[in-house]
Amino acid sequence: MTVTLTIPDVDEVVVERLRIRAEAYGTTLEDEARAALCADVTSRAAKTPPMGNSHLIDRICRRFGALGGWEMPHVDRSSNRPLPAFD
């Protein structure tokens, strides 16, 4: 399926850089824009899955991961305490 995309108000600096890259690679401005868009979307998709397909813990980690972690203290559970009697 072929889709035509029109993107208004693209920064002139971005257009000029795409034009220079296209000229260097011997492609058209449209081909270079298409390649840049595909590369960006592909790399982002590999890094962050869509919210609908991720688990709650993954979303929580992405949201609060920058704050740092917290480790629970180790609790020694090796002692043999007496079991309660339910008479």
Protein backbone atom coordinates (compact mmCIF):
# COMPACT_ATOMS: atom_id res chain seq x y z
CA MET A 1 0.00 0.00 0.00
CA THR A 2 1.44 3.35 -1.01
CA VAL A 3 0.63 6.39 1.07
CA THR A 4 1.43 9.99 0.25
CA LEU A 5 2.45 12.08 3.21
CA THR A 6 2.40 15.86 3.23
CA ILE A 7 4.18 17.52 6.14
CA PRO A 8 3.65 21.29 6.33
CA ASP A 9 6.00 23.73 8.05
CA VAL A 10 9.16 21.61 8.03
CA ASP A 11 12.09 23.61 9.36
CA GLU A 12 14.22 25.00 6.52
CA VAL A 13 17.40 23.72 8.19
CA VAL A 14 16.02 20.16 8.18
CA VAL A 15 15.05 20.42 4.52
CA GLU A 16 18.47 21.77 3.61
CA ARG A 17 20.27 18.98 5.48
CA LEU A 18 18.10 16.38 3.77
CA ARG A 19 18.81 18.00 0.40
CA ILE A 20 22.58 17.94 1.07
CA ARG A 21 22.45 14.28 2.15
CA ALA A 22 20.37 13.38 -0.88
CA GLU A 23 22.84 15.10 -3.17
CA ALA A 24 25.77 13.33 -1.48
CA TYR A 25 24.12 9.92 -1.89
CA GLY A 26 22.78 10.62 -5.36
CA THR A 27 19.14 10.26 -4.34
CA THR A 28 16.15 12.57 -4.30
CA LEU A 29 15.06 14.68 -1.36
CA GLU A 30 11.97 12.48 -1.04
CA ASP A 31 14.06 9.28 -0.97
CA GLU A 32 16.31 10.72 1.71
CA ALA A 33 13.34 11.89 3.81
CA ARG A 34 11.74 8.45 3.44
CA ALA A 35 14.95 6.71 4.53
CA ALA A 36 15.36 9.02 7.54
CA LEU A 37 11.74 8.51 8.60
CA CYS A 38 11.97 4.72 8.25
CA ALA A 39 15.26 4.57 10.17
CA ASP A 40 13.86 6.66 13.01
CA VAL A 41 10.61 4.75 13.33
CA THR A 42 12.40 1.40 13.15
CA SER A 43 14.95 2.30 15.82
CA ARG A 44 12.30 3.74 18.16
CA ALA A 45 10.04 0.72 17.73
CA ALA A 46 12.88 -1.55 18.79
CA LYS A 47 13.46 0.51 21.94
CA THR A 48 9.94 1.16 23.17
CA PRO A 49 6.95 -1.00 22.36
CA PRO A 50 3.56 0.64 21.97
CA MET A 51 1.77 1.13 25.28
CA GLY A 52 -0.99 -1.29 24.37
CA ASN A 53 1.42 -4.22 23.99
CA SER A 54 3.51 -3.74 27.12
CA HIS A 55 3.02 -5.08 30.59
CA LEU A 56 2.24 -2.84 33.52
CA ILE A 57 5.66 -3.38 35.11
CA ASP A 58 7.39 -2.33 31.87
CA ARG A 59 5.38 0.89 31.75
CA ILE A 60 6.15 1.60 35.42
CA CYS A 61 9.87 1.02 34.84
CA ARG A 62 9.91 3.34 31.82
CA ARG A 63 8.04 6.01 33.72
CA PHE A 64 10.01 5.93 36.99
CA GLY A 65 13.30 4.28 35.96
CA ALA A 66 15.18 7.57 35.82
CA LEU A 67 14.49 8.14 39.52
CA GLY A 68 16.67 5.18 40.47
CA GLY A 69 15.96 1.90 42.14
CA TRP A 70 15.26 0.74 45.65
CA GLU A 71 16.47 -2.52 47.03
CA MET A 72 14.53 -4.30 49.73
CA PRO A 73 16.62 -5.28 52.76
CA HIS A 74 17.58 -8.93 52.95
CA VAL A 75 15.54 -10.89 55.47
CA ASP A 76 17.15 -14.02 56.84
CA ARG A 77 14.55 -16.76 56.47
CA SER A 78 16.84 -19.66 57.26
CA SER A 79 16.05 -19.86 61.01
CA ASN A 80 13.71 -22.67 61.94
CA ARG A 81 11.12 -21.03 64.09
CA PRO A 82 8.42 -23.17 65.63
CA LEU A 83 5.30 -23.57 63.54
CA PRO A 84 2.06 -22.40 65.11
CA ALA A 85 -0.26 -25.08 66.42
CA PHE A 86 -3.86 -24.78 65.28
CA ASP A 87 -5.74 -26.99 67.76
